[in-house]
Amino acid sequence: MGKVAAKIKVMPDSPEIDLDALQERLESALPEGAKINGVEREEVAFGLVALYPTVIVPDGSGGTETVEENFDDVEGVESVGVENVGRI
């Protein structure tokens, strides 16, 4: 079975949020078998910085839906959206 890499846009709910702590909470929220393979940061507007973790998940595990749901439940997350998906 292959793997899928997904670049996910995570918007914090405030510009004052500690991005390092938010990144750790995202890593803790990953479902079994998933892992983060790097995180990019991009300033969006007015001091707000979006996180773009690249998440690797097994191909047969229902895609990124569980990851998105788990990330959406993390404290400090305003929104979650998949930017790009590809098989590796």
Protein backbone atom coordinates (compact mmCIF):
# COMPACT_ATOMS: atom_id res chain seq x y z
CA MET A 1 0.00 0.00 0.00
CA GLY A 2 1.29 3.47 -0.90
CA LYS A 3 1.31 6.70 0.99
CA VAL A 4 -0.26 10.08 0.41
CA ALA A 5 1.36 13.46 1.12
CA ALA A 6 -0.98 16.36 1.82
CA LYS A 7 -0.06 19.99 2.35
CA ILE A 8 -2.63 21.36 4.79
CA LYS A 9 -3.26 25.02 5.56
CA VAL A 10 -3.89 25.62 9.26
CA MET A 11 -5.06 29.09 10.22
CA PRO A 12 -4.58 30.07 13.87
CA ASP A 13 -7.41 31.92 15.61
CA SER A 14 -5.20 34.83 16.66
CA PRO A 15 -2.00 36.60 15.56
CA GLU A 16 -0.74 36.39 19.16
CA ILE A 17 -0.76 32.57 19.27
CA ASP A 18 2.50 30.74 19.98
CA LEU A 19 3.10 28.97 16.64
CA ASP A 20 5.64 26.53 18.10
CA ALA A 21 3.11 25.38 20.72
CA LEU A 22 0.39 25.15 18.07
CA GLN A 23 2.67 23.03 15.89
CA GLU A 24 3.30 20.66 18.82
CA ARG A 25 -0.46 20.35 19.45
CA LEU A 26 -1.00 19.52 15.77
CA GLU A 27 1.66 16.80 15.93
CA SER A 28 -0.01 15.36 19.04
CA ALA A 29 -3.39 15.30 17.26
CA LEU A 30 -2.24 13.12 14.37
CA PRO A 31 -4.07 9.80 13.94
CA GLU A 32 -2.10 6.56 14.14
CA GLY A 33 0.02 5.96 11.05
CA ALA A 34 0.24 9.64 10.08
CA LYS A 35 3.27 11.88 10.48
CA ILE A 36 4.26 15.46 9.73
CA ASN A 37 7.11 15.78 7.26
CA GLY A 38 7.95 19.45 7.63
CA VAL A 39 6.01 22.63 8.35
CA GLU A 40 6.13 25.87 6.39
CA ARG A 41 4.96 29.23 7.74
CA GLU A 42 3.50 32.01 5.65
CA GLU A 43 2.41 35.46 6.76
CA VAL A 44 -1.18 36.02 5.67
CA ALA A 45 -2.13 39.51 6.89
CA PHE A 46 -1.90 41.83 9.89
CA GLY A 47 0.63 39.64 11.70
CA LEU A 48 -1.37 36.43 11.20
CA VAL A 49 0.82 33.50 10.13
CA ALA A 50 -0.58 30.30 8.62
CA LEU A 51 1.05 26.92 9.20
CA TYR A 52 1.40 24.53 6.27
CA PRO A 53 2.28 21.07 7.60
CA THR A 54 2.95 18.35 5.03
CA VAL A 55 1.27 15.25 6.42
CA ILE A 56 2.08 11.72 5.26
CA VAL A 57 -0.78 9.21 5.64
CA PRO A 58 -1.24 5.61 4.43
CA ASP A 59 -3.12 5.49 1.12
CA GLY A 60 -5.90 3.22 2.37
CA SER A 61 -6.75 5.09 5.57
CA GLY A 62 -9.52 7.28 4.15
CA GLY A 63 -7.25 10.03 2.90
CA THR A 64 -6.76 13.17 4.93
CA GLU A 65 -10.26 13.42 6.40
CA THR A 66 -9.27 12.17 9.87
CA VAL A 67 -6.23 14.46 9.95
CA GLU A 68 -8.38 17.46 8.99
CA GLU A 69 -10.97 16.63 11.67
CA ASN A 70 -8.29 16.18 14.34
CA PHE A 71 -6.51 19.41 13.39
CA ASP A 72 -9.83 21.29 13.45
CA ASP A 73 -10.33 20.19 17.08
CA VAL A 74 -6.91 21.51 18.22
CA GLU A 75 -7.00 24.51 20.56
CA GLY A 76 -6.04 27.71 18.74
CA VAL A 77 -7.05 26.53 15.24
CA GLU A 78 -9.50 28.72 13.33
CA SER A 79 -9.68 26.71 10.10
CA VAL A 80 -8.12 23.77 8.26
CA GLY A 81 -7.99 23.17 4.52
CA VAL A 82 -6.12 20.85 2.18
CA GLU A 83 -3.96 22.79 -0.27
CA ASN A 84 -2.36 19.93 -2.23
CA VAL A 85 -2.46 16.11 -2.23
CA GLY A 86 -0.30 13.59 -4.04
CA ARG A 87 0.78 9.95 -3.85
CA ILE A 88 4.35 9.14 -2.91
